[in-house]
Amino acid sequence: MNRPKENTEDDSSSSLAGPVTVAVLFGGALLLLILALFGNKKSNNADDPSLEEQAEEIVKGKGKKVKSESAAAAAEKEREQRRAAAGQNQKGKAKDTFAHPLLVTTLRGHTGEICDGDFSANGKYFVTSSEDRSVHIWTCADFLSDDPAKEIRHSRLNMDYDHAVLVRFSPDSKALLGRMNNDNVVRVLKLNKKPDGHYAGLQTVLDLPTTSHGEIVFMDINCNGKFIMTGYADTQICLWSLKGNLLATIVTNVATLHCAKVSPCGRFVAASGFTPDVKVWEVNFEKSSGDFHSVERAFELKGHSAGIPCFAFSGDSTHMVSLSKDKTFRLYDINVEYKKKQDARLIQDAIWTTEDVDVTSTQVALSNDSRCIVIATKGNVSILSGVDGSVKAVIQSPLTGPIQKLMLDPSSGYIITIGGRLVRVFRNTIGYEITIATLKDKLTYATQDSISQRLQQQLEDTQKVLSACKYHLTA
């Protein structure tokens, strides 16, 4: 009886040992896992810097950053000083430091060399063409003023794959004529506008037919839109209708064509070159139908002893001025009855330079009243009196390079010089001063009251404009 009881107790002990062993093993494993995790965290913390160390590193980093920024600012200041000493802007290009008491403003915006410029017939717009394959149309009211706008507005119109080396407005200001550089053609380009009136783009209308005369070196248009003139390297001149039909070909016989223009009145075509004269033709149209009729030799401007690089008409087409390689200019009254064999009447003949005349860089412009002559040569601009032939002022190097084009605005109150990527606008106060001196002189000899009153009114009007002008040469 006692034996069986002992066996039962042993069996109970052995049955309890299994769960205890499992619990002990599980607890040991858990303890080992905790110790392993704690040791790993401690190891990681040992590798990471303390908060104090992190703060110290941040402060050091900020110090290095401040020191680096200070060094960069000092370096930039030094570079700016070097650029200023060299006359350069932040892009390393030469600064425009030109100044002159007659300078009104400078038109900027083209990224390539400007080739040509022209005023619209209504006097509202000015167009420039450039090698950057664009034309810019400027609002004249913004810059033809004694108080030019701070922001001179212009529209940039791009050309596809080519640029215009010569540009003209059509008489109605709704299109442009461009002598294209690559194609060597005259292209008619319609000016498209947005609903708000701003220019939107250019649309090709037609190209004038090509000829066998070679390169087109001159281009102009009749003020009434009756014909387009093209002058060629072989010295011949062609007249075209606006539809591209050839009207006439003029053989100039000037040996080398230096200049060719259509008169402001649209009646005459003139040309000069190696020969010592300016040849002028009249273009005739039928009075009834308006159709082209003929081209006839009208007259010649004679008297020079050498070739004539350039000439100009007055705004009313009653006078012409010619510049010669013989270093003289000659001013003519062309309001004559040439059909009765009357010759142009010489008004003034004077020496305008003592240096050799450069044919390629010499240009001339004549004021509306023919009393003021503006000459550009070798990068300088001279303002002369058409009354006595004297030089009144010289604008030295208005542009960094050669003057591509010289012109007067439609009122003759402003002188425009084009070259490089800039257009300089000068106030022609010298022209007003010449006019005032001339009117005073005429007034002293006037014998009739009607003439005296007319001269006195002209004198007061001109004096009023000059007194309101802010741009004068210093005494």
Protein backbone atom coordinates (compact mmCIF):
# COMPACT_ATOMS: atom_id res chain seq x y z
CA MET A 1 0.00 0.00 0.00
CA ASN A 2 2.78 2.42 0.85
CA ARG A 3 4.70 1.78 -2.43
CA PRO A 4 1.99 2.95 -4.73
CA LYS A 5 1.69 6.30 -2.87
CA GLU A 6 5.39 7.07 -3.31
CA ASN A 7 5.11 6.51 -7.03
CA THR A 8 2.24 8.99 -7.27
CA GLU A 9 4.30 11.77 -5.63
CA ASP A 10 7.20 11.23 -8.02
CA ASP A 11 4.90 11.43 -10.96
CA SER A 12 3.50 14.79 -9.74
CA SER A 13 6.97 16.28 -9.34
CA SER A 14 8.03 15.25 -12.78
CA SER A 15 4.84 16.65 -14.30
CA LEU A 16 5.55 20.09 -12.78
CA ALA A 17 9.19 20.18 -13.87
CA GLY A 18 8.33 20.56 -17.59
CA PRO A 19 6.47 23.88 -17.43
CA VAL A 20 8.99 25.37 -15.04
CA THR A 21 11.85 24.49 -17.33
CA VAL A 22 10.08 26.12 -20.30
CA ALA A 23 9.41 29.25 -18.28
CA VAL A 24 13.01 29.47 -17.16
CA LEU A 25 14.29 29.05 -20.70
CA PHE A 26 11.84 31.64 -22.05
CA GLY A 27 12.81 34.12 -19.33
CA GLY A 28 16.49 33.58 -20.01
CA ALA A 29 16.02 34.13 -23.72
CA LEU A 30 14.06 37.28 -23.05
CA LEU A 31 16.78 38.52 -20.72
CA LEU A 32 19.46 37.83 -23.30
CA LEU A 33 17.42 39.72 -25.94
CA ILE A 34 17.05 42.72 -23.65
CA LEU A 35 20.74 42.72 -22.85
CA ALA A 36 21.60 42.49 -26.55
CA LEU A 37 19.31 45.41 -27.45
CA PHE A 38 20.60 47.52 -24.58
CA GLY A 39 24.18 46.82 -25.54
CA ASN A 40 23.53 47.77 -29.17
CA LYS A 41 21.85 51.03 -28.16
CA LYS A 42 24.70 51.84 -25.85
CA SER A 43 27.14 51.12 -28.62
CA ASN A 44 25.22 53.41 -31.00
CA ASN A 45 25.04 56.16 -28.41
CA ALA A 46 28.74 55.85 -27.94
CA ASP A 47 29.23 56.49 -31.64
CA ASP A 48 26.79 59.48 -31.83
CA PRO A 49 27.83 62.88 -30.46
CA SER A 50 26.12 64.24 -27.40
CA LEU A 51 23.70 67.18 -27.62
CA GLU A 52 26.42 69.48 -26.43
CA GLU A 53 28.76 68.19 -29.10
CA GLN A 54 26.06 68.58 -31.75
CA ALA A 55 25.39 72.17 -30.70
CA GLU A 56 29.10 72.92 -30.79
CA GLU A 57 29.34 71.53 -34.33
CA ILE A 58 26.35 73.65 -35.46
CA VAL A 59 27.94 76.79 -34.07
CA LYS A 60 31.21 75.96 -35.78
CA GLY A 61 29.34 75.32 -39.06
CA LYS A 62 27.55 78.65 -38.86
CA GLY A 63 30.80 80.35 -38.18
CA LYS A 64 32.34 78.74 -41.24
CA LYS A 65 29.26 79.74 -43.31
CA VAL A 66 29.40 83.35 -42.16
CA LYS A 67 33.11 83.43 -42.81
CA SER A 68 32.52 81.91 -46.30
CA GLU A 69 29.77 84.42 -47.11
CA SER A 70 31.96 87.30 -45.98
CA ALA A 71 34.80 86.05 -48.17
CA ALA A 72 32.43 85.71 -51.16
CA ALA A 73 31.09 89.23 -50.62
CA ALA A 74 34.61 90.61 -50.39
CA ALA A 75 35.59 88.77 -53.58
CA GLU A 76 32.51 90.08 -55.42
CA LYS A 77 33.25 93.63 -54.24
CA GLU A 78 36.79 93.31 -55.52
CA ARG A 79 35.56 92.03 -58.89
CA GLU A 80 33.07 94.92 -59.06
CA GLN A 81 35.87 97.38 -58.41
CA ARG A 82 37.96 95.83 -61.16
CA ARG A 83 35.00 95.98 -63.58
CA ALA A 84 34.35 99.62 -62.66
CA ALA A 85 38.02 100.45 -63.25
CA ALA A 86 37.82 98.70 -66.62
CA GLY A 87 34.48 100.33 -67.45
CA GLN A 88 32.50 97.07 -67.51
CA ASN A 89 29.08 96.00 -66.24
CA GLN A 90 28.24 92.88 -64.21
CA LYS A 91 28.27 90.74 -67.35
CA GLY A 92 31.82 91.79 -68.10
CA LYS A 93 30.77 93.98 -71.02
CA ALA A 94 31.89 97.57 -71.49
CA LYS A 95 29.62 100.09 -69.79
CA ASP A 96 27.94 102.77 -71.88
CA THR A 97 29.46 105.90 -70.38
CA PHE A 98 28.81 108.26 -73.30
CA ALA A 99 27.40 111.64 -72.34
CA HIS A 100 26.68 114.80 -74.32
CA PRO A 101 24.64 117.93 -73.59
CA LEU A 102 22.51 117.35 -76.71
CA LEU A 103 21.88 113.65 -76.00
CA VAL A 104 18.18 113.04 -75.34
CA THR A 105 18.15 109.25 -74.97
CA THR A 106 19.57 105.96 -76.21
CA LEU A 107 17.42 103.19 -77.66
CA ARG A 108 18.48 99.73 -76.53
CA GLY A 109 17.09 96.22 -76.97
CA HIS A 110 18.73 94.58 -79.96
CA THR A 111 21.12 91.72 -79.27
CA GLY A 112 22.84 92.02 -82.65
CA GLU A 113 24.29 94.80 -84.78
CA ILE A 114 21.64 97.26 -86.00
CA CYS A 115 21.63 97.51 -89.79
CA ASP A 116 19.08 100.22 -90.65
CA GLY A 117 16.22 102.38 -89.43
CA ASP A 118 13.26 104.33 -90.79
CA PHE A 119 10.41 106.59 -89.65
CA SER A 120 6.81 105.91 -90.60
CA ALA A 121 5.13 108.46 -92.86
CA ASN A 122 2.75 109.53 -90.08
CA GLY A 123 5.69 110.14 -87.74
CA LYS A 124 4.32 107.84 -85.01
CA TYR A 125 6.76 104.95 -85.29
CA PHE A 126 10.44 104.24 -85.80
CA VAL A 127 11.69 100.85 -86.99
CA THR A 128 15.14 99.30 -86.64
CA SER A 129 16.40 96.07 -88.21
CA SER A 130 19.22 94.00 -86.77
CA GLU A 131 21.44 91.00 -87.32
CA ASP A 132 19.60 89.35 -84.42
CA ARG A 133 16.88 88.49 -86.99
CA SER A 134 14.35 90.92 -85.62
CA VAL A 135 12.88 94.34 -86.19
CA HIS A 136 11.98 96.64 -83.32
CA ILE A 137 9.17 99.17 -83.72
CA TRP A 138 9.47 102.11 -81.34
CA THR A 139 6.84 104.67 -80.35
CA CYS A 140 8.24 108.06 -81.35
CA ALA A 141 6.29 109.95 -78.70
CA ASP A 142 8.38 108.16 -76.05
CA PHE A 143 11.75 109.44 -77.21
CA LEU A 144 11.24 112.39 -79.58
CA SER A 145 10.59 114.68 -76.65
CA ASP A 146 12.49 116.95 -74.29
CA ASP A 147 11.18 114.68 -71.52
CA PRO A 148 11.67 111.15 -72.88
CA ALA A 149 9.82 108.33 -71.15
CA LYS A 150 11.75 106.32 -68.58
CA GLU A 151 10.60 103.15 -70.32
CA ILE A 152 10.64 103.59 -74.08
CA ARG A 153 8.17 101.12 -75.50
CA HIS A 154 8.94 98.94 -78.47
CA SER A 155 7.67 95.76 -80.11
CA ARG A 156 10.08 93.02 -81.14
CA LEU A 157 9.05 91.16 -84.30
CA ASN A 158 11.16 88.17 -85.31
CA MET A 159 12.17 87.16 -88.82
CA ASP A 160 12.57 83.53 -89.83
CA TYR A 161 16.07 82.36 -90.79
CA ASP A 162 17.24 85.77 -92.13
CA HIS A 163 17.58 89.45 -91.28
CA ALA A 164 16.97 92.71 -93.13
CA VAL A 165 20.03 94.82 -93.92
CA LEU A 166 17.74 97.58 -95.24
CA VAL A 167 14.25 98.39 -93.93
CA ARG A 168 11.49 100.85 -94.89
CA PHE A 169 7.93 101.51 -93.79
CA SER A 170 5.23 101.36 -96.42
CA PRO A 171 3.46 104.71 -96.94
CA ASP A 172 0.40 103.53 -94.97
CA SER A 173 2.62 102.15 -92.16
CA LYS A 174 0.88 98.76 -92.44
CA ALA A 175 3.83 96.89 -93.92
CA LEU A 176 7.61 96.85 -94.05
CA LEU A 177 10.05 96.45 -96.91
CA GLY A 178 13.16 94.49 -96.07
CA ARG A 179 16.22 93.76 -98.15
CA MET A 180 16.98 90.28 -96.87
CA ASN A 181 20.60 89.41 -96.24
CA ASN A 182 20.76 85.73 -97.20
CA ASP A 183 18.31 85.72 -100.09
CA ASN A 184 19.32 89.13 -101.56
CA VAL A 185 15.69 89.99 -102.28
CA VAL A 186 13.32 92.78 -101.30
CA ARG A 187 10.53 91.28 -99.20
CA VAL A 188 7.19 92.88 -98.45
CA LEU A 189 6.15 92.04 -94.88
CA LYS A 190 2.69 92.78 -93.52
CA LEU A 191 2.55 94.09 -89.95
CA ASN A 192 -0.05 92.04 -88.06
CA LYS A 193 -1.66 93.61 -85.01
CA LYS A 194 -3.42 92.28 -81.95
CA PRO A 195 -6.98 93.37 -81.04
CA ASP A 196 -5.46 95.84 -78.55
CA GLY A 197 -3.49 97.53 -81.34
CA HIS A 198 -0.05 96.16 -80.44
CA TYR A 199 2.09 94.57 -83.13
CA ALA A 200 1.83 90.77 -83.20
CA GLY A 201 4.17 89.63 -85.97
CA LEU A 202 5.33 89.76 -89.58
CA GLN A 203 3.69 88.01 -92.51
CA THR A 204 5.46 87.66 -95.86
CA VAL A 205 3.33 89.03 -98.68
CA LEU A 206 5.73 88.75 -101.62
CA ASP A 207 9.35 88.87 -102.75
CA LEU A 208 10.34 91.10 -105.63
CA PRO A 209 11.72 89.07 -108.55
CA THR A 210 15.46 88.48 -108.59
CA THR A 211 17.56 90.05 -111.34
CA SER A 212 20.96 89.56 -112.94
CA HIS A 213 22.24 92.90 -111.62
CA GLY A 214 23.94 91.41 -108.57
CA GLU A 215 23.68 92.49 -104.96
CA ILE A 216 20.98 94.94 -103.92
CA VAL A 217 22.83 97.79 -102.22
CA PHE A 218 20.05 100.42 -101.99
CA MET A 219 16.30 100.30 -101.51
CA ASP A 220 13.62 102.97 -101.16
CA ILE A 221 9.90 103.49 -101.75
CA ASN A 222 7.77 106.24 -103.25
CA CYS A 223 5.79 108.20 -100.64
CA ASN A 224 2.52 107.41 -102.45
CA GLY A 225 3.31 103.72 -102.79
CA LYS A 226 3.47 103.90 -106.57
CA PHE A 227 6.87 102.24 -106.92
CA ILE A 228 9.77 100.61 -105.11
CA MET A 229 13.35 101.45 -106.06
CA THR A 230 16.26 98.99 -105.90
CA GLY A 231 19.87 99.92 -106.65
CA TYR A 232 22.37 97.23 -107.60
CA ALA A 233 26.09 96.60 -107.43
CA ASP A 234 26.33 96.91 -111.21
CA THR A 235 25.11 100.56 -110.81
CA GLN A 236 21.70 99.97 -112.40
CA ILE A 237 18.43 100.98 -110.74
CA CYS A 238 15.12 99.14 -111.10
CA LEU A 239 11.65 100.51 -110.40
CA TRP A 240 8.93 98.05 -109.35
CA SER A 241 5.21 98.19 -108.74
CA LEU A 242 4.02 97.08 -105.31
CA LYS A 243 2.79 93.88 -106.97
CA GLY A 244 6.31 93.03 -108.08
CA ASN A 245 6.08 94.08 -111.72
CA LEU A 246 9.17 95.70 -113.25
CA LEU A 247 8.33 99.24 -114.37
CA ALA A 248 11.69 100.51 -115.62
CA THR A 249 15.45 100.00 -115.48
CA ILE A 250 17.73 103.04 -115.19
CA VAL A 251 21.33 102.90 -116.40
CA THR A 252 23.08 105.37 -114.12
CA ASN A 253 26.58 105.47 -115.71
CA VAL A 254 28.16 106.43 -112.39
CA ALA A 255 30.88 103.73 -112.58
CA THR A 256 30.35 102.76 -108.90
CA LEU A 257 27.03 103.32 -107.18
CA HIS A 258 27.64 105.07 -103.85
CA CYS A 259 24.15 106.38 -103.11
CA ALA A 260 20.60 106.08 -104.49
CA LYS A 261 17.40 107.59 -103.08
CA VAL A 262 13.80 108.50 -103.84
CA SER A 263 12.92 112.12 -103.04
CA PRO A 264 10.48 112.74 -100.13
CA CYS A 265 7.89 114.03 -102.60
CA GLY A 266 8.17 110.74 -104.51
CA ARG A 267 8.74 112.47 -107.81
CA PHE A 268 12.48 111.97 -108.30
CA VAL A 269 15.05 109.20 -108.20
CA ALA A 270 18.68 110.25 -107.75
CA ALA A 271 22.04 108.46 -107.83
CA SER A 272 25.70 109.30 -107.26
CA GLY A 273 28.94 107.39 -107.45
CA PHE A 274 32.47 107.56 -108.76
CA THR A 275 31.61 110.39 -111.17
CA PRO A 276 31.63 114.00 -109.83
CA ASP A 277 27.90 114.63 -110.23
CA VAL A 278 24.47 113.61 -108.93
CA LYS A 279 22.05 112.42 -111.58
CA VAL A 280 18.33 112.99 -111.04
CA TRP A 281 15.42 111.38 -112.92
CA GLU A 282 11.71 112.16 -112.84
CA VAL A 283 9.28 109.24 -112.63
CA ASN A 284 6.07 110.05 -114.52
CA PHE A 285 2.61 108.54 -114.10
CA GLU A 286 -0.58 109.06 -116.10
CA LYS A 287 -2.71 111.75 -114.47
CA SER A 288 -5.99 110.09 -115.40
CA SER A 289 -5.32 106.43 -114.61
CA GLY A 290 -2.30 106.73 -112.31
CA ASP A 291 -0.46 104.09 -114.34
CA PHE A 292 3.28 104.27 -114.86
CA HIS A 293 4.30 106.28 -117.91
CA SER A 294 8.04 106.88 -118.15
CA VAL A 295 11.35 107.82 -116.53
CA GLU A 296 13.12 110.93 -117.86
CA ARG A 297 16.40 112.62 -116.96
CA ALA A 298 15.50 115.76 -115.03
CA PHE A 299 18.80 117.49 -114.11
CA GLU A 300 22.30 116.97 -112.70
CA LEU A 301 24.09 118.49 -109.75
CA LYS A 302 27.48 119.50 -111.11
CA GLY A 303 30.54 121.33 -109.86
CA HIS A 304 32.49 118.79 -107.77
CA SER A 305 35.91 117.65 -108.89
CA ALA A 306 35.73 114.11 -107.45
CA GLY A 307 33.27 111.31 -106.73
CA ILE A 308 30.24 111.82 -104.49
CA PRO A 309 29.78 109.32 -101.64
CA CYS A 310 26.37 110.65 -100.58
CA PHE A 311 23.69 113.29 -101.00
CA ALA A 312 20.38 114.21 -99.35
CA PHE A 313 17.05 115.90 -100.11
CA SER A 314 15.37 118.45 -97.89
CA GLY A 315 12.04 117.39 -96.43
CA ASP A 316 10.06 119.41 -98.99
CA SER A 317 12.23 118.20 -101.91
CA THR A 318 13.17 121.75 -102.90
CA HIS A 319 16.86 121.50 -101.99
CA MET A 320 19.66 118.95 -102.22
CA VAL A 321 23.11 118.73 -100.66
CA SER A 322 26.01 116.65 -101.99
CA LEU A 323 29.30 115.64 -100.33
CA SER A 324 32.36 114.95 -102.44
CA LYS A 325 35.73 113.32 -102.04
CA ASP A 326 37.12 116.76 -102.98
CA LYS A 327 36.28 117.65 -99.29
CA THR A 328 33.54 120.12 -100.19
CA PHE A 329 29.76 120.14 -99.90
CA ARG A 330 27.44 121.89 -102.32
CA LEU A 331 23.90 122.99 -101.47
CA TYR A 332 21.46 123.43 -104.38
CA ASP A 333 18.01 124.86 -104.93
CA ILE A 334 16.31 122.28 -107.18
CA ASN A 335 12.93 124.02 -107.31
CA VAL A 336 13.55 125.01 -110.93
CA GLU A 337 11.85 124.52 -114.28
CA TYR A 338 14.19 121.82 -115.51
CA LYS A 339 11.88 121.00 -118.41
CA LYS A 340 12.82 124.44 -119.71
CA LYS A 341 16.49 123.46 -119.32
CA GLN A 342 17.00 125.37 -116.10
CA ASP A 343 19.83 124.03 -114.00
CA ALA A 344 19.74 123.57 -110.25
CA ARG A 345 20.85 126.78 -108.54
CA LEU A 346 23.96 126.63 -106.34
CA ILE A 347 23.37 128.18 -102.90
CA GLN A 348 26.45 127.22 -100.92
CA ASP A 349 29.83 125.68 -101.68
CA ALA A 350 32.21 125.12 -98.78
CA ILE A 351 34.93 122.83 -97.46
CA TRP A 352 33.55 120.53 -94.75
CA THR A 353 36.68 118.52 -93.91
CA THR A 354 40.44 118.67 -94.23
CA GLU A 355 40.89 114.89 -94.01
CA ASP A 356 40.60 112.25 -96.68
CA VAL A 357 36.97 111.28 -97.24
CA ASP A 358 36.03 107.69 -96.45
CA VAL A 359 33.35 106.69 -98.95
CA THR A 360 31.93 103.85 -96.83
CA SER A 361 31.48 105.83 -93.60
CA THR A 362 30.36 109.24 -94.90
CA GLN A 363 26.67 110.20 -94.69
CA VAL A 364 24.68 113.42 -94.82
CA ALA A 365 21.23 114.66 -93.79
CA LEU A 366 19.53 117.96 -94.67
CA SER A 367 16.93 119.75 -92.53
CA ASN A 368 13.48 120.57 -93.87
CA ASP A 369 14.35 124.25 -94.33
CA SER A 370 17.80 123.35 -95.79
CA ARG A 371 19.55 125.63 -93.28
CA CYS A 372 21.12 122.81 -91.27
CA ILE A 373 23.43 120.13 -92.67
CA VAL A 374 24.44 117.12 -90.56
CA ILE A 375 27.43 115.02 -91.64
CA ALA A 376 28.72 111.74 -90.22
CA THR A 377 32.19 110.51 -91.09
CA LYS A 378 34.76 108.33 -89.35
CA GLY A 379 32.56 107.94 -86.28
CA ASN A 380 31.96 111.67 -85.65
CA VAL A 381 28.96 113.91 -86.35
CA SER A 382 29.35 117.50 -87.57
CA ILE A 383 26.54 120.07 -87.64
CA LEU A 384 27.00 122.78 -90.27
CA SER A 385 25.17 125.88 -91.36
CA GLY A 386 23.68 125.73 -94.81
CA VAL A 387 23.66 129.53 -94.79
CA ASP A 388 27.37 130.26 -94.44
CA GLY A 389 28.91 126.77 -94.58
CA SER A 390 30.52 126.99 -91.14
CA VAL A 391 30.81 124.08 -88.70
CA LYS A 392 28.69 124.88 -85.64
CA ALA A 393 29.30 121.78 -83.51
CA VAL A 394 30.93 118.36 -83.57
CA ILE A 395 29.70 115.34 -81.62
CA GLN A 396 32.75 113.17 -81.04
CA SER A 397 32.33 109.39 -81.23
CA PRO A 398 28.65 109.08 -80.26
CA LEU A 399 28.99 105.31 -80.79
CA THR A 400 31.80 102.92 -79.96
CA GLY A 401 32.13 101.91 -83.62
CA PRO A 402 31.20 103.31 -87.02
CA ILE A 403 27.92 105.13 -87.60
CA GLN A 404 25.78 102.76 -89.63
CA LYS A 405 23.14 105.35 -90.43
CA LEU A 406 22.60 109.08 -89.89
CA MET A 407 19.19 110.70 -90.23
CA LEU A 408 16.91 113.49 -89.04
CA ASP A 409 13.41 112.89 -87.72
CA PRO A 410 10.48 114.19 -89.84
CA SER A 411 10.50 117.53 -87.97
CA SER A 412 14.31 117.95 -88.27
CA GLY A 413 14.31 118.60 -84.53
CA TYR A 414 16.27 115.47 -83.65
CA ILE A 415 19.43 113.84 -84.99
CA ILE A 416 19.46 110.03 -85.09
CA THR A 417 22.66 107.99 -85.19
CA ILE A 418 22.60 104.20 -85.53
CA GLY A 419 25.53 101.89 -84.89
CA GLY A 420 26.42 98.74 -83.01
CA ARG A 421 23.42 97.76 -80.91
CA LEU A 422 22.42 101.34 -80.04
CA VAL A 423 20.44 104.25 -81.42
CA ARG A 424 21.47 107.69 -80.11
CA VAL A 425 18.92 110.51 -80.22
CA PHE A 426 20.26 114.10 -80.07
CA ARG A 427 18.34 117.36 -79.89
CA ASN A 428 19.06 119.52 -82.92
CA THR A 429 19.16 122.82 -81.07
CA ILE A 430 21.91 123.98 -83.43
CA GLY A 431 19.38 123.83 -86.26
CA TYR A 432 17.00 126.11 -84.35
CA GLU A 433 19.82 128.55 -83.59
CA ILE A 434 20.78 128.68 -87.29
CA THR A 435 17.15 129.31 -88.25
CA ILE A 436 16.77 132.10 -85.68
CA ALA A 437 19.94 133.86 -86.90
CA THR A 438 18.76 133.59 -90.51
CA LEU A 439 15.28 134.93 -89.75
CA LYS A 440 16.69 137.88 -87.84
CA ASP A 441 18.94 138.70 -90.76
CA LYS A 442 16.07 138.50 -93.25
CA LEU A 443 13.87 140.58 -90.99
CA THR A 444 16.30 143.49 -91.08
CA TYR A 445 16.10 143.63 -94.87
CA ALA A 446 12.36 143.05 -95.23
CA THR A 447 10.62 145.99 -96.89
CA GLN A 448 7.03 144.79 -97.09
CA ASP A 449 4.82 144.57 -94.03
CA SER A 450 3.37 141.21 -95.02
CA ILE A 451 6.84 139.69 -95.32
CA SER A 452 7.96 141.27 -92.06
CA GLN A 453 4.94 139.90 -90.22
CA ARG A 454 5.48 136.41 -91.62
CA LEU A 455 9.17 136.43 -90.71
CA GLN A 456 8.41 137.80 -87.24
CA GLN A 457 5.89 135.02 -86.60
CA GLN A 458 8.37 132.37 -87.75
CA LEU A 459 11.03 133.89 -85.52
CA GLU A 460 8.79 133.89 -82.44
CA ASP A 461 7.68 130.31 -83.04
CA THR A 462 11.27 129.09 -83.39
CA GLN A 463 12.43 131.04 -80.33
CA LYS A 464 9.60 129.53 -78.33
CA VAL A 465 10.67 126.01 -79.24
CA LEU A 466 14.32 126.72 -78.47
CA SER A 467 13.59 128.37 -75.11
CA ALA A 468 11.54 125.34 -74.03
CA CYS A 469 14.33 122.94 -75.01
CA LYS A 470 16.41 121.45 -72.19
CA TYR A 471 19.35 120.42 -74.34
CA HIS A 472 21.95 123.05 -75.16
CA LEU A 473 25.68 123.12 -75.76
CA THR A 474 27.54 124.65 -72.86
CA ALA A 475 29.10 128.01 -73.55
